[in-house]
Structure formats: structure tokens, C-alpha cells
Amino acid sequence: MDAALKSDIEAKIEDLKKVQDSDDPETIKQATDALAQASHKLAEQLYAQQNTGAEGAAGPEGAANAGAAGADEDVVDADFTEVKDEKNNSRASCIAD
């Protein structure tokens, strides 16, 4: 998060705290709307950062690299069955190979 956006959001929070006890609903609504707009800018920024990071892994090379990284882990192949008893309670049974 950039510093300007952070300080803007903090200022909007402080503004809302100052007017929250006022008797003027329009002032409260304006402060709330201003904070909402600032938080939307933050959401847009975070979404853009997330998409930028995901583009590298989403391509064919990224998918191949993700598979290679997973090959190093210990993986257990198991069969899974769900068993229901008379009271409609279910429990899981796992049999590892």
C-alpha cells in the first residue's frame, strides 16, 4: 500500500470518528462515503497487485513450475469413503495405500 493512500484512509477514519456522535446524519453519511471511496481505491490497488503476481504463474511455464514444485512433497495416495449410520451422522474412513 502506498503511503499517500494509507494516510488518506487514516484521515478519513479520523474524520468519521469526529462526526460519529453528531446529530447530523448528512455529515455522517458524507464521512462514511469518503471513507468508502478511499477503501475502494485500496481494494483496486490490492487487486491490481494480485493480478500482476498471478500473471507470471498463470502461463504455461508457471503451471509447469507449479507441478515441479509439488513433486518434491511426500504425497500419500488414499481411498476415501463416507459411511452413514442410522442416525444420518456421517463419518469418514480413509485407507492409505
N, C-alpha and C. Protein backbone atom coordinates (compact mmCIF):
# COMPACT_ATOMS: atom_id res chain seq x y z
N MET A 1 0.87 -1.17 0.00
CA MET A 1 0.00 0.00 0.00
C MET A 1 0.91 1.23 0.00
N ASP A 2 0.61 2.17 -0.86
CA ASP A 2 1.46 3.36 -0.89
C ASP A 2 1.12 4.28 0.28
N ALA A 3 2.08 5.09 0.66
CA ALA A 3 1.95 5.92 1.86
C ALA A 3 0.84 6.96 1.73
N ALA A 4 0.67 7.52 0.54
CA ALA A 4 -0.36 8.54 0.35
C ALA A 4 -1.75 7.96 0.56
N LEU A 5 -1.98 6.77 0.02
CA LEU A 5 -3.28 6.13 0.18
C LEU A 5 -3.52 5.76 1.65
N LYS A 6 -2.49 5.27 2.30
CA LYS A 6 -2.63 4.91 3.71
C LYS A 6 -2.98 6.13 4.56
N SER A 7 -2.27 7.23 4.35
CA SER A 7 -2.55 8.44 5.14
C SER A 7 -3.94 9.00 4.82
N ASP A 8 -4.37 8.88 3.55
CA ASP A 8 -5.71 9.33 3.18
C ASP A 8 -6.78 8.51 3.90
N ILE A 9 -6.62 7.21 3.94
CA ILE A 9 -7.59 6.35 4.63
C ILE A 9 -7.60 6.64 6.12
N GLU A 10 -6.41 6.81 6.71
CA GLU A 10 -6.34 7.12 8.14
C GLU A 10 -7.02 8.46 8.44
N ALA A 11 -6.85 9.44 7.55
CA ALA A 11 -7.50 10.74 7.75
C ALA A 11 -9.02 10.60 7.66
N LYS A 12 -9.49 9.79 6.71
CA LYS A 12 -10.94 9.59 6.56
C LYS A 12 -11.52 8.88 7.79
N ILE A 13 -10.76 7.95 8.36
CA ILE A 13 -11.21 7.26 9.58
C ILE A 13 -11.33 8.26 10.72
N GLU A 14 -10.32 9.12 10.86
CA GLU A 14 -10.36 10.13 11.92
C GLU A 14 -11.53 11.09 11.72
N ASP A 15 -11.77 11.49 10.47
CA ASP A 15 -12.91 12.37 10.18
C ASP A 15 -14.23 11.72 10.59
N LEU A 16 -14.36 10.44 10.28
CA LEU A 16 -15.59 9.73 10.63
C LEU A 16 -15.74 9.60 12.14
N LYS A 17 -14.63 9.35 12.84
CA LYS A 17 -14.69 9.27 14.31
C LYS A 17 -15.16 10.60 14.90
N LYS A 18 -14.73 11.70 14.31
CA LYS A 18 -15.10 13.03 14.83
C LYS A 18 -16.59 13.31 14.68
N VAL A 19 -17.18 12.82 13.59
CA VAL A 19 -18.59 13.16 13.34
C VAL A 19 -19.56 12.05 13.75
N GLN A 20 -19.07 10.94 14.24
CA GLN A 20 -19.97 9.82 14.54
C GLN A 20 -20.99 10.14 15.62
N ASP A 21 -20.66 11.03 16.52
CA ASP A 21 -21.60 11.37 17.58
C ASP A 21 -22.44 12.61 17.27
N SER A 22 -22.30 13.13 16.07
CA SER A 22 -23.07 14.33 15.72
C SER A 22 -24.53 13.96 15.47
N ASP A 23 -25.36 14.96 15.49
CA ASP A 23 -26.79 14.76 15.24
C ASP A 23 -27.15 14.97 13.78
N ASP A 24 -26.14 15.20 12.94
CA ASP A 24 -26.39 15.47 11.54
C ASP A 24 -26.11 14.23 10.70
N PRO A 25 -27.16 13.52 10.29
CA PRO A 25 -26.95 12.28 9.52
C PRO A 25 -26.26 12.52 8.18
N GLU A 26 -26.46 13.71 7.60
CA GLU A 26 -25.84 14.01 6.31
C GLU A 26 -24.31 14.11 6.45
N THR A 27 -23.83 14.68 7.55
CA THR A 27 -22.39 14.78 7.80
C THR A 27 -21.79 13.39 7.99
N ILE A 28 -22.50 12.55 8.72
CA ILE A 28 -22.03 11.18 8.94
C ILE A 28 -22.00 10.43 7.62
N LYS A 29 -23.04 10.60 6.81
CA LYS A 29 -23.09 9.91 5.51
C LYS A 29 -21.95 10.36 4.61
N GLN A 30 -21.66 11.66 4.59
CA GLN A 30 -20.57 12.17 3.76
C GLN A 30 -19.22 11.60 4.20
N ALA A 31 -18.99 11.54 5.51
CA ALA A 31 -17.73 11.00 6.02
C ALA A 31 -17.63 9.50 5.73
N THR A 32 -18.75 8.81 5.84
CA THR A 32 -18.78 7.37 5.54
C THR A 32 -18.51 7.12 4.06
N ASP A 33 -19.13 7.92 3.21
CA ASP A 33 -18.92 7.78 1.77
C ASP A 33 -17.47 8.08 1.39
N ALA A 34 -16.88 9.09 2.01
CA ALA A 34 -15.49 9.43 1.72
C ALA A 34 -14.55 8.28 2.12
N LEU A 35 -14.82 7.66 3.26
CA LEU A 35 -14.02 6.51 3.69
C LEU A 35 -14.23 5.33 2.75
N ALA A 36 -15.46 5.12 2.32
CA ALA A 36 -15.74 4.01 1.39
C ALA A 36 -14.99 4.20 0.08
N GLN A 37 -14.97 5.43 -0.44
CA GLN A 37 -14.25 5.70 -1.69
C GLN A 37 -12.76 5.45 -1.53
N ALA A 38 -12.20 5.86 -0.39
CA ALA A 38 -10.78 5.64 -0.14
C ALA A 38 -10.48 4.15 -0.01
N SER A 39 -11.39 3.41 0.61
CA SER A 39 -11.16 1.97 0.75
C SER A 39 -11.31 1.25 -0.59
N HIS A 40 -12.15 1.80 -1.47
CA HIS A 40 -12.27 1.22 -2.82
C HIS A 40 -10.96 1.40 -3.61
N LYS A 41 -10.31 2.55 -3.41
CA LYS A 41 -9.02 2.77 -4.06
C LYS A 41 -8.00 1.74 -3.56
N LEU A 42 -8.04 1.45 -2.26
CA LEU A 42 -7.14 0.45 -1.70
C LEU A 42 -7.44 -0.92 -2.30
N ALA A 43 -8.71 -1.26 -2.41
CA ALA A 43 -9.09 -2.55 -2.98
C ALA A 43 -8.62 -2.66 -4.43
N GLU A 44 -8.77 -1.59 -5.18
CA GLU A 44 -8.31 -1.60 -6.58
C GLU A 44 -6.80 -1.82 -6.64
N GLN A 45 -6.08 -1.16 -5.76
CA GLN A 45 -4.62 -1.30 -5.74
C GLN A 45 -4.22 -2.73 -5.39
N LEU A 46 -4.85 -3.30 -4.38
CA LEU A 46 -4.54 -4.66 -3.98
C LEU A 46 -4.92 -5.67 -5.08
N TYR A 47 -6.03 -5.43 -5.74
CA TYR A 47 -6.46 -6.30 -6.83
C TYR A 47 -5.46 -6.25 -7.98
N ALA A 48 -4.99 -5.06 -8.30
CA ALA A 48 -4.00 -4.91 -9.37
C ALA A 48 -2.70 -5.62 -9.02
N GLN A 49 -2.28 -5.51 -7.76
CA GLN A 49 -1.05 -6.19 -7.32
C GLN A 49 -1.23 -7.70 -7.40
N GLN A 50 -2.39 -8.19 -7.01
CA GLN A 50 -2.66 -9.62 -7.04
C GLN A 50 -2.63 -10.13 -8.47
N ASN A 51 -3.24 -9.42 -9.38
CA ASN A 51 -3.27 -9.83 -10.78
C ASN A 51 -1.89 -9.79 -11.40
N THR A 52 -1.08 -8.82 -11.03
CA THR A 52 0.27 -8.73 -11.55
C THR A 52 1.09 -9.94 -11.10
N GLY A 53 0.96 -10.34 -9.86
CA GLY A 53 1.68 -11.50 -9.35
C GLY A 53 1.17 -12.80 -9.92
N ALA A 54 -0.11 -12.88 -10.22
CA ALA A 54 -0.71 -14.13 -10.71
C ALA A 54 -0.41 -14.35 -12.19
N GLU A 55 -0.13 -13.29 -12.95
CA GLU A 55 0.11 -13.45 -14.38
C GLU A 55 1.33 -14.31 -14.65
N GLY A 56 2.37 -14.19 -13.82
CA GLY A 56 3.57 -14.99 -14.03
C GLY A 56 3.32 -16.46 -13.81
N ALA A 57 2.49 -16.81 -12.86
CA ALA A 57 2.23 -18.21 -12.55
C ALA A 57 1.11 -18.79 -13.40
N ALA A 58 0.31 -17.94 -14.03
CA ALA A 58 -0.84 -18.44 -14.76
C ALA A 58 -0.49 -18.96 -16.15
N GLY A 59 0.64 -18.56 -16.69
CA GLY A 59 1.04 -19.00 -18.02
C GLY A 59 1.45 -20.46 -18.04
N PRO A 60 1.72 -21.02 -19.22
CA PRO A 60 2.11 -22.42 -19.33
C PRO A 60 3.38 -22.74 -18.55
N GLU A 61 4.33 -21.81 -18.55
CA GLU A 61 5.56 -22.05 -17.81
C GLU A 61 5.29 -22.05 -16.31
N GLY A 62 4.41 -21.16 -15.87
CA GLY A 62 4.06 -21.10 -14.45
C GLY A 62 3.39 -22.37 -13.99
N ALA A 63 2.52 -22.94 -14.82
CA ALA A 63 1.83 -24.18 -14.47
C ALA A 63 2.82 -25.34 -14.39
N ALA A 64 3.79 -25.37 -15.30
CA ALA A 64 4.80 -26.43 -15.28
C ALA A 64 5.66 -26.30 -14.04
N ASN A 65 6.01 -25.08 -13.68
CA ASN A 65 6.82 -24.88 -12.49
C ASN A 65 6.06 -25.25 -11.23
N ALA A 66 4.76 -25.00 -11.20
CA ALA A 66 3.95 -25.35 -10.03
C ALA A 66 3.92 -26.86 -9.87
N GLY A 67 3.83 -27.60 -10.96
CA GLY A 67 3.83 -29.07 -10.89
C GLY A 67 5.16 -29.60 -10.42
N ALA A 68 6.25 -28.98 -10.83
CA ALA A 68 7.58 -29.42 -10.41
C ALA A 68 7.78 -29.18 -8.92
N ALA A 69 7.27 -28.08 -8.43
CA ALA A 69 7.42 -27.78 -7.01
C ALA A 69 6.62 -28.78 -6.17
N GLY A 70 5.47 -29.20 -6.64
CA GLY A 70 4.64 -30.15 -5.91
C GLY A 70 5.22 -31.55 -5.92
N ALA A 71 6.09 -31.87 -6.86
CA ALA A 71 6.66 -33.21 -6.96
C ALA A 71 7.61 -33.51 -5.81
N ASP A 72 8.13 -32.47 -5.16
CA ASP A 72 9.08 -32.68 -4.07
C ASP A 72 8.40 -33.07 -2.76
N GLU A 73 7.11 -32.87 -2.67
CA GLU A 73 6.39 -33.16 -1.43
C GLU A 73 6.08 -34.64 -1.31
N ASP A 74 5.95 -35.12 -0.07
CA ASP A 74 5.53 -36.50 0.16
C ASP A 74 4.03 -36.57 0.02
N VAL A 75 3.55 -37.34 -0.95
CA VAL A 75 2.13 -37.46 -1.21
C VAL A 75 1.71 -38.89 -0.93
N VAL A 76 0.61 -39.02 -0.21
CA VAL A 76 0.08 -40.33 0.11
C VAL A 76 -1.19 -40.54 -0.69
N ASP A 77 -1.24 -41.63 -1.44
CA ASP A 77 -2.42 -41.97 -2.20
C ASP A 77 -3.36 -42.74 -1.28
N ALA A 78 -4.61 -42.28 -1.18
CA ALA A 78 -5.54 -42.92 -0.26
C ALA A 78 -6.92 -42.98 -0.88
N ASP A 79 -7.70 -43.98 -0.48
CA ASP A 79 -9.09 -44.09 -0.87
C ASP A 79 -9.92 -43.50 0.25
N PHE A 80 -10.97 -42.78 -0.11
CA PHE A 80 -11.83 -42.12 0.86
C PHE A 80 -13.25 -42.56 0.64
N THR A 81 -13.90 -42.99 1.70
CA THR A 81 -15.31 -43.35 1.61
C THR A 81 -16.06 -42.70 2.77
N GLU A 82 -17.29 -42.31 2.52
CA GLU A 82 -18.13 -41.72 3.55
C GLU A 82 -19.14 -42.78 3.97
N VAL A 83 -19.20 -43.03 5.27
CA VAL A 83 -20.09 -44.05 5.79
C VAL A 83 -21.16 -43.36 6.63
N LYS A 84 -22.45 -43.63 6.32
CA LYS A 84 -23.54 -43.04 7.09
C LYS A 84 -24.16 -44.11 7.98
N ASP A 85 -24.43 -43.73 9.22
CA ASP A 85 -25.08 -44.67 10.13
C ASP A 85 -26.58 -44.40 10.16
N GLU A 86 -27.30 -45.09 11.04
CA GLU A 86 -28.76 -44.98 11.07
C GLU A 86 -29.26 -43.59 11.46
N LYS A 87 -28.49 -42.82 12.18
CA LYS A 87 -28.94 -41.51 12.65
C LYS A 87 -28.56 -40.40 11.67
N ASN A 88 -28.20 -40.75 10.46
CA ASN A 88 -27.78 -39.79 9.43
C ASN A 88 -26.54 -39.02 9.81
N ASN A 89 -25.80 -39.54 10.75
CA ASN A 89 -24.50 -38.96 11.04
C ASN A 89 -23.51 -39.59 10.08
N SER A 90 -22.57 -38.82 9.66
CA SER A 90 -21.60 -39.38 8.74
C SER A 90 -20.23 -39.35 9.37
N ARG A 91 -19.42 -40.27 8.98
CA ARG A 91 -18.03 -40.30 9.43
C ARG A 91 -17.18 -40.69 8.25
N ALA A 92 -15.97 -40.30 8.26
CA ALA A 92 -15.09 -40.57 7.13
C ALA A 92 -14.17 -41.74 7.44
N SER A 93 -13.88 -42.47 6.41
CA SER A 93 -12.94 -43.58 6.53
C SER A 93 -11.90 -43.38 5.46
N CYS A 94 -10.65 -43.47 5.84
CA CYS A 94 -9.56 -43.25 4.90
C CYS A 94 -8.62 -44.45 4.97
N ILE A 95 -8.32 -45.03 3.82
CA ILE A 95 -7.42 -46.15 3.76
C ILE A 95 -6.24 -45.74 2.89
N ALA A 96 -5.08 -45.65 3.49
CA ALA A 96 -3.88 -45.24 2.76
C ALA A 96 -3.25 -46.45 2.06
N ASP A 97 -2.77 -46.21 0.84
CA ASP A 97 -2.07 -47.27 0.11
C ASP A 97 -0.61 -47.30 0.47
